[in-house]
């Protein structure tokens, strides 16, 4: 398990009923860590790669079947979540948050619930 992802999820201080949006979910490792903290909470995770979404969905099949998680193929710029709001939004190694953090935060802010938190971390792969 990635210590980097574990650290980010711990920083989010997930509550059992949180609504969480993960941008750039990759294989779904952080999604698993988030869903394990839920009782009534729900995760929406997105990635631009259909292969990554397939892998994340397989990895988290029990959470998908229980209604705790959904995985969507989309880029951040094209993502349409309508009127949904999230208590926590996070992204790890998502290029737009590194290249143009103001734009990335402007995009996700529309989905942030009052009092919500955005955590974006970009570190170079080791």
C-alpha atoms as a PDB file:
ATOM      1  CA  UNK A   1       0.000   0.000   0.000  1.00  0.00           C
ATOM      2  CA  UNK A   2       1.363   3.410  -0.935  1.00  0.00           C
ATOM      3  CA  UNK A   3       2.354   5.468   2.102  1.00  0.00           C
ATOM      4  CA  UNK A   4       1.814   8.618   0.016  1.00  0.00           C
ATOM      5  CA  UNK A   5      -1.825   7.699  -0.649  1.00  0.00           C
ATOM      6  CA  UNK A   6      -2.371   6.558   2.927  1.00  0.00           C
ATOM      7  CA  UNK A   7      -1.033   9.914   4.126  1.00  0.00           C
ATOM      8  CA  UNK A   8      -3.339  11.881   1.829  1.00  0.00           C
ATOM      9  CA  UNK A   9      -6.410   9.886   2.908  1.00  0.00           C
ATOM     10  CA  UNK A  10      -5.494  10.359   6.574  1.00  0.00           C
ATOM     11  CA  UNK A  11      -5.116  14.105   5.955  1.00  0.00           C
ATOM     12  CA  UNK A  12      -8.701  14.175   4.618  1.00  0.00           C
ATOM     13  CA  UNK A  13     -10.055  13.016   7.996  1.00  0.00           C
ATOM     14  CA  UNK A  14     -12.872  11.076   6.323  1.00  0.00           C
ATOM     15  CA  UNK A  15     -16.059  10.905   8.373  1.00  0.00           C
ATOM     16  CA  UNK A  16     -18.379   7.872   8.084  1.00  0.00           C
ATOM     17  CA  UNK A  17     -21.000   9.888   6.157  1.00  0.00           C
ATOM     18  CA  UNK A  18     -18.759  12.058   3.937  1.00  0.00           C
ATOM     19  CA  UNK A  19     -19.339  12.560   0.244  1.00  0.00           C
ATOM     20  CA  UNK A  20     -15.912  12.330  -1.400  1.00  0.00           C
ATOM     21  CA  UNK A  21     -14.704  13.115  -4.924  1.00  0.00           C
ATOM     22  CA  UNK A  22     -11.372  11.709  -6.069  1.00  0.00           C
ATOM     23  CA  UNK A  23      -9.839  13.184  -9.216  1.00  0.00           C
ATOM     24  CA  UNK A  24      -7.388  10.857 -10.984  1.00  0.00           C
ATOM     25  CA  UNK A  25      -8.143   7.640  -9.115  1.00  0.00           C
ATOM     26  CA  UNK A  26      -5.756   5.412 -11.076  1.00  0.00           C
ATOM     27  CA  UNK A  27      -5.995   1.785  -9.917  1.00  0.00           C
ATOM     28  CA  UNK A  28      -8.309   2.699  -7.035  1.00  0.00           C
ATOM     29  CA  UNK A  29      -5.885   2.289  -4.134  1.00  0.00           C
ATOM     30  CA  UNK A  30      -6.894   5.518  -2.381  1.00  0.00           C
ATOM     31  CA  UNK A  31     -10.539   4.752  -3.178  1.00  0.00           C
ATOM     32  CA  UNK A  32     -10.251   1.551  -1.152  1.00  0.00           C
ATOM     33  CA  UNK A  33      -8.784   3.450   1.794  1.00  0.00           C
ATOM     34  CA  UNK A  34     -11.591   6.020   1.616  1.00  0.00           C
ATOM     35  CA  UNK A  35     -14.411   3.477   1.308  1.00  0.00           C
ATOM     36  CA  UNK A  36     -13.112   1.476   4.271  1.00  0.00           C
ATOM     37  CA  UNK A  37     -13.881   4.530   6.443  1.00  0.00           C
ATOM     38  CA  UNK A  38     -17.511   4.849   5.322  1.00  0.00           C
ATOM     39  CA  UNK A  39     -20.704   3.807   7.037  1.00  0.00           C
ATOM     40  CA  UNK A  40     -23.145   5.935   5.030  1.00  0.00           C
ATOM     41  CA  UNK A  41     -20.574   7.835   2.949  1.00  0.00           C
ATOM     42  CA  UNK A  42     -20.111   7.735  -0.804  1.00  0.00           C
ATOM     43  CA  UNK A  43     -17.129   8.094  -3.134  1.00  0.00           C
ATOM     44  CA  UNK A  44     -17.198   9.293  -6.717  1.00  0.00           C
ATOM     45  CA  UNK A  45     -13.845   8.665  -8.390  1.00  0.00           C
ATOM     46  CA  UNK A  46     -12.839   9.791 -11.865  1.00  0.00           C
ATOM     47  CA  UNK A  47      -9.929   9.127 -14.168  1.00  0.00           C
ATOM     48  CA  UNK A  48      -9.355   9.994 -17.810  1.00  0.00           C
ATOM     49  CA  UNK A  49      -8.203   6.437 -18.548  1.00  0.00           C
ATOM     50  CA  UNK A  50     -10.843   3.766 -19.169  1.00  0.00           C
ATOM     51  CA  UNK A  51      -8.233   1.117 -18.240  1.00  0.00           C
ATOM     52  CA  UNK A  52      -7.638   2.729 -14.857  1.00  0.00           C
ATOM     53  CA  UNK A  53     -11.384   2.970 -14.212  1.00  0.00           C
ATOM     54  CA  UNK A  54     -11.795  -0.725 -15.078  1.00  0.00           C
ATOM     55  CA  UNK A  55      -8.973  -1.623 -12.669  1.00  0.00           C
ATOM     56  CA  UNK A  56     -10.335   0.630  -9.903  1.00  0.00           C
ATOM     57  CA  UNK A  57     -13.835  -0.796 -10.326  1.00  0.00           C
ATOM     58  CA  UNK A  58     -12.512  -4.362 -10.095  1.00  0.00           C
ATOM     59  CA  UNK A  59     -10.380  -3.550  -7.063  1.00  0.00           C
ATOM     60  CA  UNK A  60     -13.360  -1.927  -5.301  1.00  0.00           C
ATOM     61  CA  UNK A  61     -16.135  -4.217  -6.523  1.00  0.00           C
ATOM     62  CA  UNK A  62     -17.471  -4.789  -2.994  1.00  0.00           C
ATOM     63  CA  UNK A  63     -17.784  -1.014  -2.461  1.00  0.00           C
ATOM     64  CA  UNK A  64     -19.432  -0.495  -5.857  1.00  0.00           C
ATOM     65  CA  UNK A  65     -21.944  -3.281  -5.170  1.00  0.00           C
ATOM     66  CA  UNK A  66     -22.692  -1.803  -1.721  1.00  0.00           C
ATOM     67  CA  UNK A  67     -23.368   1.620  -3.258  1.00  0.00           C
ATOM     68  CA  UNK A  68     -20.394   3.251  -1.533  1.00  0.00           C
ATOM     69  CA  UNK A  69     -18.397   3.932  -4.706  1.00  0.00           C
ATOM     70  CA  UNK A  70     -18.773   4.790  -8.354  1.00  0.00           C
ATOM     71  CA  UNK A  71     -16.028   5.145 -10.959  1.00  0.00           C
ATOM     72  CA  UNK A  72     -16.346   7.439 -13.990  1.00  0.00           C
ATOM     73  CA  UNK A  73     -14.207   7.944 -17.095  1.00  0.00           C
ATOM     74  CA  UNK A  74     -13.695  11.689 -17.579  1.00  0.00           C
ATOM     75  CA  UNK A  75     -11.116  14.435 -17.622  1.00  0.00           C
ATOM     76  CA  UNK A  76     -11.429  17.085 -14.959  1.00  0.00           C
ATOM     77  CA  UNK A  77     -12.183  19.695 -17.610  1.00  0.00           C
ATOM     78  CA  UNK A  78     -15.044  17.621 -19.095  1.00  0.00           C
ATOM     79  CA  UNK A  79     -16.465  16.205 -15.870  1.00  0.00           C
ATOM     80  CA  UNK A  80     -20.169  16.947 -15.364  1.00  0.00           C
ATOM     81  CA  UNK A  81     -21.446  16.144 -11.898  1.00  0.00           C
ATOM     82  CA  UNK A  82     -24.480  18.392 -12.113  1.00  0.00           C
ATOM     83  CA  UNK A  83     -25.599  19.702  -8.750  1.00  0.00           C
ATOM     84  CA  UNK A  84     -23.728  17.141  -6.652  1.00  0.00           C
ATOM     85  CA  UNK A  85     -21.709  18.481  -3.730  1.00  0.00           C
ATOM     86  CA  UNK A  86     -18.803  16.860  -1.893  1.00  0.00           C
ATOM     87  CA  UNK A  87     -17.439  17.287   1.611  1.00  0.00           C
ATOM     88  CA  UNK A  88     -13.942  16.281   0.513  1.00  0.00           C
ATOM     89  CA  UNK A  89     -12.304  16.552  -2.906  1.00  0.00           C
ATOM     90  CA  UNK A  90      -8.808  15.255  -3.472  1.00  0.00           C
ATOM     91  CA  UNK A  91      -6.300  14.701  -6.251  1.00  0.00           C
ATOM     92  CA  UNK A  92      -2.854  13.095  -6.177  1.00  0.00           C
ATOM     93  CA  UNK A  93      -0.457  13.611  -9.072  1.00  0.00           C
ATOM     94  CA  UNK A  94      -3.071  15.190 -11.332  1.00  0.00           C
ATOM     95  CA  UNK A  95      -1.245  17.326 -13.882  1.00  0.00           C
ATOM     96  CA  UNK A  96      -3.715  20.219 -14.014  1.00  0.00           C
ATOM     97  CA  UNK A  97      -3.301  20.829 -10.269  1.00  0.00           C
ATOM     98  CA  UNK A  98       0.462  21.127 -10.904  1.00  0.00           C
ATOM     99  CA  UNK A  99       0.434  23.058 -14.196  1.00  0.00           C
ATOM    100  CA  UNK A 100      -2.482  25.377 -13.463  1.00  0.00           C
ATOM    101  CA  UNK A 101      -3.592  25.054  -9.840  1.00  0.00           C
ATOM    102  CA  UNK A 102      -5.876  28.109  -9.955  1.00  0.00           C
ATOM    103  CA  UNK A 103      -7.823  26.673 -12.896  1.00  0.00           C
ATOM    104  CA  UNK A 104      -8.033  23.219 -11.293  1.00  0.00           C
ATOM    105  CA  UNK A 105      -9.329  24.652  -8.017  1.00  0.00           C
ATOM    106  CA  UNK A 106     -11.827  26.847  -9.873  1.00  0.00           C
ATOM    107  CA  UNK A 107     -13.208  23.739 -11.602  1.00  0.00           C
ATOM    108  CA  UNK A 108     -13.633  21.653  -8.448  1.00  0.00           C
ATOM    109  CA  UNK A 109     -14.886  24.506  -6.259  1.00  0.00           C
ATOM    110  CA  UNK A 110     -18.338  24.282  -7.892  1.00  0.00           C
ATOM    111  CA  UNK A 111     -18.757  20.780  -6.413  1.00  0.00           C
ATOM    112  CA  UNK A 112     -17.498  21.637  -2.943  1.00  0.00           C
ATOM    113  CA  UNK A 113     -20.118  21.593  -0.195  1.00  0.00           C
ATOM    114  CA  UNK A 114     -20.113  24.481   2.306  1.00  0.00           C
ATOM    115  CA  UNK A 115     -17.302  23.850   4.768  1.00  0.00           C
ATOM    116  CA  UNK A 116     -15.744  21.291   2.434  1.00  0.00           C
ATOM    117  CA  UNK A 117     -12.053  20.619   1.858  1.00  0.00           C
ATOM    118  CA  UNK A 118      -9.890  20.310  -1.262  1.00  0.00           C
ATOM    119  CA  UNK A 119      -6.542  18.513  -1.010  1.00  0.00           C
ATOM    120  CA  UNK A 120      -4.248  18.356  -4.019  1.00  0.00           C
ATOM    121  CA  UNK A 121      -0.780  16.851  -3.854  1.00  0.00           C
ATOM    122  CA  UNK A 122       1.698  16.671  -6.692  1.00  0.00           C
ATOM    123  CA  UNK A 123       5.051  15.055  -6.122  1.00  0.00           C
ATOM    124  CA  UNK A 124       7.345  13.623  -8.730  1.00  0.00           C
ATOM    125  CA  UNK A 125       7.184   9.834  -9.138  1.00  0.00           C
ATOM    126  CA  UNK A 126      10.141   8.117  -7.480  1.00  0.00           C
END
